[in-house]
């Protein structure tokens, strides 16, 4: 997160977390669903 904060120019990591954490959670859910589909079928 610290690297992303610096790249985005946010003054505080909490701004970065507040902006992007929901996106990370969504990606994690999608990846989990893909893996489950491969393991257990559609």
C-alpha atoms as a PDB file:
ATOM      1  CA  UNK A   1       0.000   0.000   0.000  1.00  0.00           C
ATOM      2  CA  UNK A   2       2.830   2.370   0.780  1.00  0.00           C
ATOM      3  CA  UNK A   3       4.188   2.088  -2.762  1.00  0.00           C
ATOM      4  CA  UNK A   4       0.721   2.700  -4.229  1.00  0.00           C
ATOM      5  CA  UNK A   5       0.296   5.697  -1.922  1.00  0.00           C
ATOM      6  CA  UNK A   6       3.521   7.206  -3.206  1.00  0.00           C
ATOM      7  CA  UNK A   7       2.706   6.494  -6.860  1.00  0.00           C
ATOM      8  CA  UNK A   8      -0.743   8.058  -6.532  1.00  0.00           C
ATOM      9  CA  UNK A   9       0.635  11.071  -4.681  1.00  0.00           C
ATOM     10  CA  UNK A  10      -1.578  10.594  -1.619  1.00  0.00           C
ATOM     11  CA  UNK A  11      -0.307  12.367   1.470  1.00  0.00           C
ATOM     12  CA  UNK A  12      -1.598   9.641   3.800  1.00  0.00           C
ATOM     13  CA  UNK A  13      -1.868   5.872   3.338  1.00  0.00           C
ATOM     14  CA  UNK A  14      -5.408   6.012   4.794  1.00  0.00           C
ATOM     15  CA  UNK A  15      -6.519   7.941   1.698  1.00  0.00           C
ATOM     16  CA  UNK A  16      -5.107   5.163  -0.473  1.00  0.00           C
ATOM     17  CA  UNK A  17      -6.714   2.454   1.653  1.00  0.00           C
ATOM     18  CA  UNK A  18     -10.075   4.200   1.613  1.00  0.00           C
ATOM     19  CA  UNK A  19      -9.927   4.550  -2.148  1.00  0.00           C
ATOM     20  CA  UNK A  20      -8.640   1.156  -3.240  1.00  0.00           C
ATOM     21  CA  UNK A  21      -9.329  -1.493  -0.590  1.00  0.00           C
ATOM     22  CA  UNK A  22     -12.845  -2.214  -1.882  1.00  0.00           C
ATOM     23  CA  UNK A  23     -11.324  -2.858  -5.323  1.00  0.00           C
ATOM     24  CA  UNK A  24      -8.833  -5.316  -3.846  1.00  0.00           C
ATOM     25  CA  UNK A  25     -11.630  -7.104  -1.989  1.00  0.00           C
ATOM     26  CA  UNK A  26     -13.656  -7.385  -5.202  1.00  0.00           C
ATOM     27  CA  UNK A  27     -10.691  -8.857  -7.076  1.00  0.00           C
ATOM     28  CA  UNK A  28     -10.096 -11.355  -4.277  1.00  0.00           C
ATOM     29  CA  UNK A  29     -13.741 -12.480  -4.445  1.00  0.00           C
ATOM     30  CA  UNK A  30     -13.637 -12.837  -8.237  1.00  0.00           C
ATOM     31  CA  UNK A  31     -10.422 -14.849  -8.096  1.00  0.00           C
ATOM     32  CA  UNK A  32     -11.860 -17.117  -5.421  1.00  0.00           C
ATOM     33  CA  UNK A  33     -14.935 -17.742  -7.564  1.00  0.00           C
ATOM     34  CA  UNK A  34     -12.766 -18.597 -10.591  1.00  0.00           C
ATOM     35  CA  UNK A  35     -10.686 -21.057  -8.596  1.00  0.00           C
ATOM     36  CA  UNK A  36     -13.801 -22.671  -7.108  1.00  0.00           C
ATOM     37  CA  UNK A  37     -15.311 -23.034 -10.585  1.00  0.00           C
ATOM     38  CA  UNK A  38     -12.149 -24.766 -11.815  1.00  0.00           C
ATOM     39  CA  UNK A  39     -12.011 -27.084  -8.820  1.00  0.00           C
ATOM     40  CA  UNK A  40     -15.692 -27.865  -8.440  1.00  0.00           C
ATOM     41  CA  UNK A  41     -17.165 -27.034 -11.865  1.00  0.00           C
ATOM     42  CA  UNK A  42     -19.523 -24.250 -12.844  1.00  0.00           C
END
